[in-house]
């Protein structure tokens, strides 16, 4: 899985994307390692691809970020809701396809709340 993460500045625009390594993933949550410390509750954008499927600038909210060796391990929950409170069905469908394309070692159970 190719993965990069962008913090969101105070205007809501993404900063420069930096590479990250996926640890666990399902269509609702993800845990990854990166060089950047993120704050709990912070909004980020995630770019990801696996096989023929890819998504750019998927919104996610940081649930946890802890030091892990020389990196930080962050757990995020995808924010897949439009301003009118309707789900982004297309993004959910692509996330499901990405999940199915990943090796079993990265897949996380769907009931995963906090990793």
C-alpha atoms as a PDB file:
ATOM      1  CA  UNK A   1       0.000   0.000   0.000  1.00  0.00           C
ATOM      2  CA  UNK A   2       1.300   3.435  -0.906  1.00  0.00           C
ATOM      3  CA  UNK A   3       0.430   6.028   1.694  1.00  0.00           C
ATOM      4  CA  UNK A   4       1.102   9.700   2.386  1.00  0.00           C
ATOM      5  CA  UNK A   5      -0.305  12.017   5.042  1.00  0.00           C
ATOM      6  CA  UNK A   6      -0.870  15.781   5.040  1.00  0.00           C
ATOM      7  CA  UNK A   7      -1.676  17.823   8.111  1.00  0.00           C
ATOM      8  CA  UNK A   8      -4.326  20.494   7.604  1.00  0.00           C
ATOM      9  CA  UNK A   9      -3.386  24.118   8.278  1.00  0.00           C
ATOM     10  CA  UNK A  10      -5.627  26.585  10.107  1.00  0.00           C
ATOM     11  CA  UNK A  11      -7.270  27.599   6.797  1.00  0.00           C
ATOM     12  CA  UNK A  12      -8.255  23.982   6.111  1.00  0.00           C
ATOM     13  CA  UNK A  13      -5.693  23.508   3.342  1.00  0.00           C
ATOM     14  CA  UNK A  14      -3.333  20.514   3.275  1.00  0.00           C
ATOM     15  CA  UNK A  15       0.347  20.991   4.025  1.00  0.00           C
ATOM     16  CA  UNK A  16       2.996  19.102   2.050  1.00  0.00           C
ATOM     17  CA  UNK A  17       2.338  15.343   2.094  1.00  0.00           C
ATOM     18  CA  UNK A  18       4.865  13.074   3.787  1.00  0.00           C
ATOM     19  CA  UNK A  19       5.210   9.311   3.347  1.00  0.00           C
ATOM     20  CA  UNK A  20       3.766   6.933   5.923  1.00  0.00           C
ATOM     21  CA  UNK A  21       3.629   3.172   6.440  1.00  0.00           C
ATOM     22  CA  UNK A  22       0.286   1.441   6.989  1.00  0.00           C
ATOM     23  CA  UNK A  23       0.200  -0.895   9.990  1.00  0.00           C
ATOM     24  CA  UNK A  24      -3.519  -1.756  10.155  1.00  0.00           C
ATOM     25  CA  UNK A  25      -6.335  -0.743   7.828  1.00  0.00           C
ATOM     26  CA  UNK A  26     -10.044  -1.187   7.290  1.00  0.00           C
ATOM     27  CA  UNK A  27     -12.593   0.990   5.507  1.00  0.00           C
ATOM     28  CA  UNK A  28     -13.294   2.995   8.683  1.00  0.00           C
ATOM     29  CA  UNK A  29      -9.926   3.264  10.505  1.00  0.00           C
ATOM     30  CA  UNK A  30      -6.213   3.098   9.923  1.00  0.00           C
ATOM     31  CA  UNK A  31      -3.044   2.905  11.995  1.00  0.00           C
ATOM     32  CA  UNK A  32       0.204   4.074  10.422  1.00  0.00           C
ATOM     33  CA  UNK A  33       3.775   5.101  11.232  1.00  0.00           C
ATOM     34  CA  UNK A  34       5.133   8.460  10.099  1.00  0.00           C
ATOM     35  CA  UNK A  35       7.838  10.953  11.025  1.00  0.00           C
ATOM     36  CA  UNK A  36       5.363  13.579  12.237  1.00  0.00           C
ATOM     37  CA  UNK A  37       3.712  13.922  15.599  1.00  0.00           C
ATOM     38  CA  UNK A  38      -0.003  14.576  15.196  1.00  0.00           C
ATOM     39  CA  UNK A  39      -2.410  15.929  17.797  1.00  0.00           C
ATOM     40  CA  UNK A  40      -5.444  14.023  19.015  1.00  0.00           C
ATOM     41  CA  UNK A  41      -8.522  15.444  17.276  1.00  0.00           C
ATOM     42  CA  UNK A  42      -6.448  16.985  14.456  1.00  0.00           C
ATOM     43  CA  UNK A  43      -7.823  16.702  10.910  1.00  0.00           C
ATOM     44  CA  UNK A  44      -5.495  15.289   8.253  1.00  0.00           C
ATOM     45  CA  UNK A  45      -5.703  14.302   4.588  1.00  0.00           C
ATOM     46  CA  UNK A  46      -4.556  10.867   3.472  1.00  0.00           C
ATOM     47  CA  UNK A  47      -3.523   9.786  -0.029  1.00  0.00           C
ATOM     48  CA  UNK A  48      -3.508   6.025  -0.550  1.00  0.00           C
ATOM     49  CA  UNK A  49      -3.408   3.392  -3.224  1.00  0.00           C
ATOM     50  CA  UNK A  50      -3.422  -0.387  -3.317  1.00  0.00           C
ATOM     51  CA  UNK A  51      -3.497  -2.325  -6.557  1.00  0.00           C
ATOM     52  CA  UNK A  52      -5.632  -0.448  -9.107  1.00  0.00           C
ATOM     53  CA  UNK A  53      -7.518   1.508  -6.425  1.00  0.00           C
ATOM     54  CA  UNK A  54      -6.526   4.919  -5.091  1.00  0.00           C
ATOM     55  CA  UNK A  55      -7.963   7.867  -3.175  1.00  0.00           C
ATOM     56  CA  UNK A  56      -6.550  11.344  -2.713  1.00  0.00           C
ATOM     57  CA  UNK A  57      -7.119  13.709   0.201  1.00  0.00           C
ATOM     58  CA  UNK A  58      -9.410  11.498   2.267  1.00  0.00           C
ATOM     59  CA  UNK A  59     -10.254  13.352   5.486  1.00  0.00           C
ATOM     60  CA  UNK A  60      -9.446  11.632   8.764  1.00  0.00           C
ATOM     61  CA  UNK A  61      -9.422  12.625  12.425  1.00  0.00           C
ATOM     62  CA  UNK A  62      -6.488  11.600  14.613  1.00  0.00           C
ATOM     63  CA  UNK A  63      -7.636   9.465  17.538  1.00  0.00           C
ATOM     64  CA  UNK A  64      -4.216   8.644  18.967  1.00  0.00           C
ATOM     65  CA  UNK A  65      -0.553   9.386  18.290  1.00  0.00           C
ATOM     66  CA  UNK A  66       2.305   7.830  20.265  1.00  0.00           C
ATOM     67  CA  UNK A  67       6.067   7.718  19.918  1.00  0.00           C
ATOM     68  CA  UNK A  68       7.250   4.470  18.303  1.00  0.00           C
ATOM     69  CA  UNK A  69      11.041   4.342  18.039  1.00  0.00           C
ATOM     70  CA  UNK A  70      12.167   7.153  15.756  1.00  0.00           C
ATOM     71  CA  UNK A  71       8.641   7.562  14.330  1.00  0.00           C
ATOM     72  CA  UNK A  72       5.123   8.192  15.588  1.00  0.00           C
ATOM     73  CA  UNK A  73       2.309   5.666  15.392  1.00  0.00           C
ATOM     74  CA  UNK A  74      -1.049   7.308  14.710  1.00  0.00           C
ATOM     75  CA  UNK A  75      -4.563   5.873  14.672  1.00  0.00           C
ATOM     76  CA  UNK A  76      -7.159   7.730  12.630  1.00  0.00           C
ATOM     77  CA  UNK A  77     -10.842   7.404  11.777  1.00  0.00           C
ATOM     78  CA  UNK A  78     -11.904   8.380   8.268  1.00  0.00           C
ATOM     79  CA  UNK A  79     -14.398  11.259   8.032  1.00  0.00           C
ATOM     80  CA  UNK A  80     -16.701  10.140   5.248  1.00  0.00           C
ATOM     81  CA  UNK A  81     -19.587  12.537   5.588  1.00  0.00           C
ATOM     82  CA  UNK A  82     -20.523  15.483   3.382  1.00  0.00           C
ATOM     83  CA  UNK A  83     -21.459  18.833   4.909  1.00  0.00           C
ATOM     84  CA  UNK A  84     -25.129  17.890   4.375  1.00  0.00           C
ATOM     85  CA  UNK A  85     -24.536  14.826   6.626  1.00  0.00           C
ATOM     86  CA  UNK A  86     -24.835  12.386   3.686  1.00  0.00           C
ATOM     87  CA  UNK A  87     -22.118   9.729   3.319  1.00  0.00           C
ATOM     88  CA  UNK A  88     -19.510   9.874   0.571  1.00  0.00           C
ATOM     89  CA  UNK A  89     -20.641   6.581  -0.970  1.00  0.00           C
ATOM     90  CA  UNK A  90     -17.986   6.654  -3.693  1.00  0.00           C
ATOM     91  CA  UNK A  91     -15.135   7.053  -1.186  1.00  0.00           C
ATOM     92  CA  UNK A  92     -16.580   4.306   1.017  1.00  0.00           C
ATOM     93  CA  UNK A  93     -16.726   1.996  -1.999  1.00  0.00           C
ATOM     94  CA  UNK A  94     -13.076   2.693  -2.947  1.00  0.00           C
ATOM     95  CA  UNK A  95     -11.946   2.255   0.684  1.00  0.00           C
ATOM     96  CA  UNK A  96     -13.680  -1.142   0.696  1.00  0.00           C
ATOM     97  CA  UNK A  97     -11.876  -2.074  -2.546  1.00  0.00           C
ATOM     98  CA  UNK A  98      -8.521  -0.975  -1.103  1.00  0.00           C
ATOM     99  CA  UNK A  99      -9.229  -3.031   2.016  1.00  0.00           C
ATOM    100  CA  UNK A 100      -9.926  -6.126  -0.103  1.00  0.00           C
ATOM    101  CA  UNK A 101      -6.715  -5.605  -2.127  1.00  0.00           C
ATOM    102  CA  UNK A 102      -4.478  -5.571   0.976  1.00  0.00           C
ATOM    103  CA  UNK A 103      -2.649  -8.566   2.431  1.00  0.00           C
ATOM    104  CA  UNK A 104      -4.211 -10.159   5.509  1.00  0.00           C
ATOM    105  CA  UNK A 105      -1.320  -8.910   7.683  1.00  0.00           C
ATOM    106  CA  UNK A 106      -2.508  -5.291   7.290  1.00  0.00           C
ATOM    107  CA  UNK A 107      -6.272  -5.828   7.423  1.00  0.00           C
ATOM    108  CA  UNK A 108      -7.888  -4.882  10.708  1.00  0.00           C
ATOM    109  CA  UNK A 109     -11.224  -6.230  11.955  1.00  0.00           C
ATOM    110  CA  UNK A 110     -14.186  -3.995  11.074  1.00  0.00           C
ATOM    111  CA  UNK A 111     -15.108  -3.685  14.744  1.00  0.00           C
ATOM    112  CA  UNK A 112     -11.704  -2.100  15.472  1.00  0.00           C
ATOM    113  CA  UNK A 113     -12.397   0.982  17.595  1.00  0.00           C
ATOM    114  CA  UNK A 114      -8.957   2.018  18.846  1.00  0.00           C
ATOM    115  CA  UNK A 115      -5.856   0.274  17.633  1.00  0.00           C
END
